N, C-alpha and C. Protein backbone atom coordinates (compact mmCIF):
# COMPACT_ATOMS: atom_id res chain seq x y z
N MET A 1 165.99 93.35 32.07
CA MET A 1 165.69 94.45 32.71
C MET A 1 164.94 94.33 33.58
N GLU A 2 165.20 94.58 34.73
CA GLU A 2 163.92 94.23 35.52
C GLU A 2 163.48 95.82 36.52
N LEU A 3 161.81 95.56 36.38
CA LEU A 3 161.17 96.82 36.86
C LEU A 3 160.40 96.74 38.09
N GLN A 4 160.50 97.08 38.86
CA GLN A 4 159.30 97.38 39.92
C GLN A 4 158.61 98.49 40.42
N GLY A 5 157.64 98.39 40.96
CA GLY A 5 156.37 99.62 40.72
C GLY A 5 154.86 98.89 41.12
N THR A 6 154.20 99.80 41.12
CA THR A 6 152.86 99.89 41.39
C THR A 6 151.91 99.73 40.18
N VAL A 7 150.89 98.78 39.95
CA VAL A 7 150.18 99.00 38.56
C VAL A 7 149.38 100.10 38.78
N LYS A 8 149.36 100.41 37.29
CA LYS A 8 148.17 102.20 37.39
C LYS A 8 147.22 101.84 36.70
N ARG A 9 147.44 100.71 35.33
CA ARG A 9 146.72 100.54 34.56
C ARG A 9 146.73 99.46 33.69
N ILE A 10 145.81 99.05 33.61
CA ILE A 10 145.64 97.46 32.77
C ILE A 10 144.84 97.75 31.02
N GLY A 11 145.45 97.60 30.26
CA GLY A 11 144.42 98.07 29.08
C GLY A 11 144.07 96.44 28.77
N ALA A 12 143.22 96.68 28.00
CA ALA A 12 142.23 95.38 27.24
C ALA A 12 143.27 94.70 26.31
N ILE A 13 142.55 93.40 25.92
CA ILE A 13 143.77 93.26 24.80
C ILE A 13 142.91 93.41 23.38
N GLN A 14 143.96 93.99 22.64
CA GLN A 14 143.95 94.57 21.46
C GLN A 14 143.87 93.15 20.33
N THR A 15 143.01 92.93 19.55
CA THR A 15 143.18 91.93 18.23
C THR A 15 143.02 92.48 16.99
N PHE A 16 144.24 92.44 16.54
CA PHE A 16 144.55 92.88 14.97
C PHE A 16 143.73 92.18 13.79
N ALA A 17 143.40 92.38 12.76
CA ALA A 17 143.04 91.41 11.70
C ALA A 17 143.88 90.66 11.51
N SER A 18 144.86 90.32 11.33
CA SER A 18 145.86 89.41 11.37
C SER A 18 145.72 88.22 12.42
N GLY A 19 145.13 88.31 13.47
CA GLY A 19 145.31 87.47 14.70
C GLY A 19 146.08 87.60 15.75
N PHE A 20 147.07 88.96 15.41
CA PHE A 20 147.70 89.29 16.63
C PHE A 20 147.26 90.04 17.53
N GLU A 21 147.66 89.79 18.72
CA GLU A 21 147.88 90.21 19.87
C GLU A 21 148.10 90.96 20.92
N LYS A 22 147.52 91.96 21.53
CA LYS A 22 148.88 92.99 22.41
C LYS A 22 148.04 93.70 23.28
N ARG A 23 148.70 93.91 24.87
CA ARG A 23 147.74 94.58 25.71
C ARG A 23 148.69 95.15 26.63
N GLU A 24 148.34 96.16 27.34
CA GLU A 24 149.46 97.53 27.75
C GLU A 24 149.45 97.23 29.50
N LEU A 25 150.20 97.31 29.70
CA LEU A 25 150.52 97.39 31.60
C LEU A 25 151.34 98.87 31.61
N VAL A 26 150.54 99.70 32.39
CA VAL A 26 151.11 100.73 32.83
C VAL A 26 151.70 100.35 34.49
N ILE A 27 152.68 100.64 34.70
CA ILE A 27 153.43 100.82 36.10
C ILE A 27 153.91 102.00 36.63
N VAL A 28 153.95 102.40 37.63
CA VAL A 28 154.70 103.51 38.12
C VAL A 28 155.58 102.92 39.22
N THR A 29 157.06 103.65 38.90
CA THR A 29 157.96 102.72 39.55
C THR A 29 158.37 103.36 40.87
N ASP A 30 158.73 102.50 41.64
CA ASP A 30 159.25 102.81 42.97
C ASP A 30 160.81 103.50 43.14
N GLU A 31 160.74 104.55 42.88
CA GLU A 31 162.41 105.10 42.92
C GLU A 31 161.67 106.82 43.72
N GLN A 32 163.20 107.25 43.75
CA GLN A 32 162.82 108.35 44.26
C GLN A 32 161.79 109.47 43.62
N TYR A 33 162.31 109.44 42.34
CA TYR A 33 161.41 110.05 41.48
C TYR A 33 160.64 109.04 40.56
N PRO A 34 159.06 108.82 41.19
CA PRO A 34 158.28 107.81 40.27
C PRO A 34 158.04 108.20 38.51
N GLN A 35 158.43 107.54 37.71
CA GLN A 35 158.20 107.85 36.35
C GLN A 35 157.00 106.49 35.94
N PRO A 36 155.77 106.93 35.42
CA PRO A 36 155.09 105.64 34.88
C PRO A 36 155.81 105.33 33.78
N ILE A 37 155.50 103.83 33.15
CA ILE A 37 156.53 103.08 32.22
C ILE A 37 155.47 102.34 31.80
N SER A 38 155.51 102.29 30.32
CA SER A 38 154.20 101.37 29.73
C SER A 38 155.22 100.03 29.17
N ILE A 39 154.37 99.15 29.36
CA ILE A 39 154.81 97.82 28.81
C ILE A 39 153.65 97.09 27.91
N GLU A 40 154.35 96.81 26.66
CA GLU A 40 153.18 95.73 25.78
C GLU A 40 153.63 94.41 26.14
N PHE A 41 152.49 93.57 26.22
CA PHE A 41 152.47 92.16 26.45
C PHE A 41 151.84 91.45 25.04
N LEU A 42 152.47 90.90 24.78
CA LEU A 42 152.41 90.34 23.27
C LEU A 42 151.78 88.76 23.01
N LYS A 43 150.77 88.39 22.18
CA LYS A 43 150.70 86.98 21.87
C LYS A 43 149.73 86.31 23.15
N ASP A 44 150.41 85.28 23.17
CA ASP A 44 149.84 84.46 24.70
C ASP A 44 150.47 84.92 26.07
N LYS A 45 151.46 86.22 25.57
CA LYS A 45 151.86 86.51 27.29
C LYS A 45 150.67 87.74 27.80
N CYS A 46 149.63 87.88 27.11
CA CYS A 46 148.36 88.60 27.42
C CYS A 46 147.72 88.17 28.55
N ASP A 47 147.52 86.97 28.82
CA ASP A 47 147.20 86.33 30.00
C ASP A 47 147.53 86.39 31.30
N PHE A 48 149.30 86.95 31.27
CA PHE A 48 149.67 87.23 32.20
C PHE A 48 149.44 88.23 33.36
N LEU A 49 148.62 89.07 32.78
CA LEU A 49 148.11 90.18 33.49
C LEU A 49 146.60 90.07 34.15
N ASP A 50 146.02 88.86 33.51
CA ASP A 50 144.67 88.56 34.24
C ASP A 50 144.67 88.59 35.63
N PRO A 51 145.39 88.35 36.32
CA PRO A 51 145.35 88.14 37.82
C PRO A 51 145.25 89.24 39.04
N LEU A 52 146.35 90.55 38.02
CA LEU A 52 146.68 91.67 38.46
C LEU A 52 145.23 92.11 38.60
N LYS A 53 145.70 93.63 39.28
CA LYS A 53 144.77 94.74 39.36
C LYS A 53 145.42 96.19 39.99
N GLU A 54 144.54 97.20 39.84
CA GLU A 54 145.13 98.32 39.68
C GLU A 54 145.90 98.48 41.30
N GLY A 55 146.83 98.97 41.17
CA GLY A 55 147.29 99.49 42.86
C GLY A 55 148.17 98.57 43.78
N ASP A 56 148.41 96.99 42.45
CA ASP A 56 149.32 96.24 42.99
C ASP A 56 150.64 96.24 42.94
N LYS A 57 151.47 95.78 43.96
CA LYS A 57 152.80 95.90 43.55
C LYS A 57 153.24 94.63 42.78
N VAL A 58 154.52 95.11 41.52
CA VAL A 58 154.54 94.11 40.70
C VAL A 58 156.36 94.26 40.78
N LYS A 59 156.90 93.30 40.21
CA LYS A 59 158.22 93.23 39.98
C LYS A 59 158.17 92.45 38.45
N ILE A 60 158.84 92.92 37.12
CA ILE A 60 158.80 92.63 36.47
C ILE A 60 159.79 92.40 35.41
N SER A 61 159.90 91.48 34.67
CA SER A 61 161.73 91.05 34.01
C SER A 61 161.26 91.63 32.56
N ILE A 62 162.10 92.22 31.67
CA ILE A 62 161.48 92.76 30.27
C ILE A 62 162.52 92.75 29.20
N ASN A 63 162.21 92.34 28.21
CA ASN A 63 163.25 92.61 27.30
C ASN A 63 162.87 93.86 26.06
N ILE A 64 163.77 94.99 25.88
CA ILE A 64 163.59 96.04 25.28
C ILE A 64 163.71 95.72 24.06
N GLY A 65 162.68 95.83 23.55
CA GLY A 65 162.64 96.19 21.83
C GLY A 65 162.32 97.47 21.09
N GLY A 66 163.28 97.89 19.97
CA GLY A 66 162.57 99.23 19.57
C GLY A 66 162.72 98.83 18.03
N ARG A 67 162.45 100.14 17.71
CA ARG A 67 162.58 100.08 15.97
C ARG A 67 163.38 101.88 15.65
């Protein structure tokens, strides 16, 4: 799935006791009715968010996973 939008918030890297890391990105979609979407980046993908800042326009391809 591909999303386009504006960066609203970039979270700090969260590190857990097991060594697992995750980081959250919230974007607001570029649609008629904009929606905030929260996306988690895991492990080595956390570094992908370093060059971004709030207000940047982004296009993101994601894999949806759920429980």
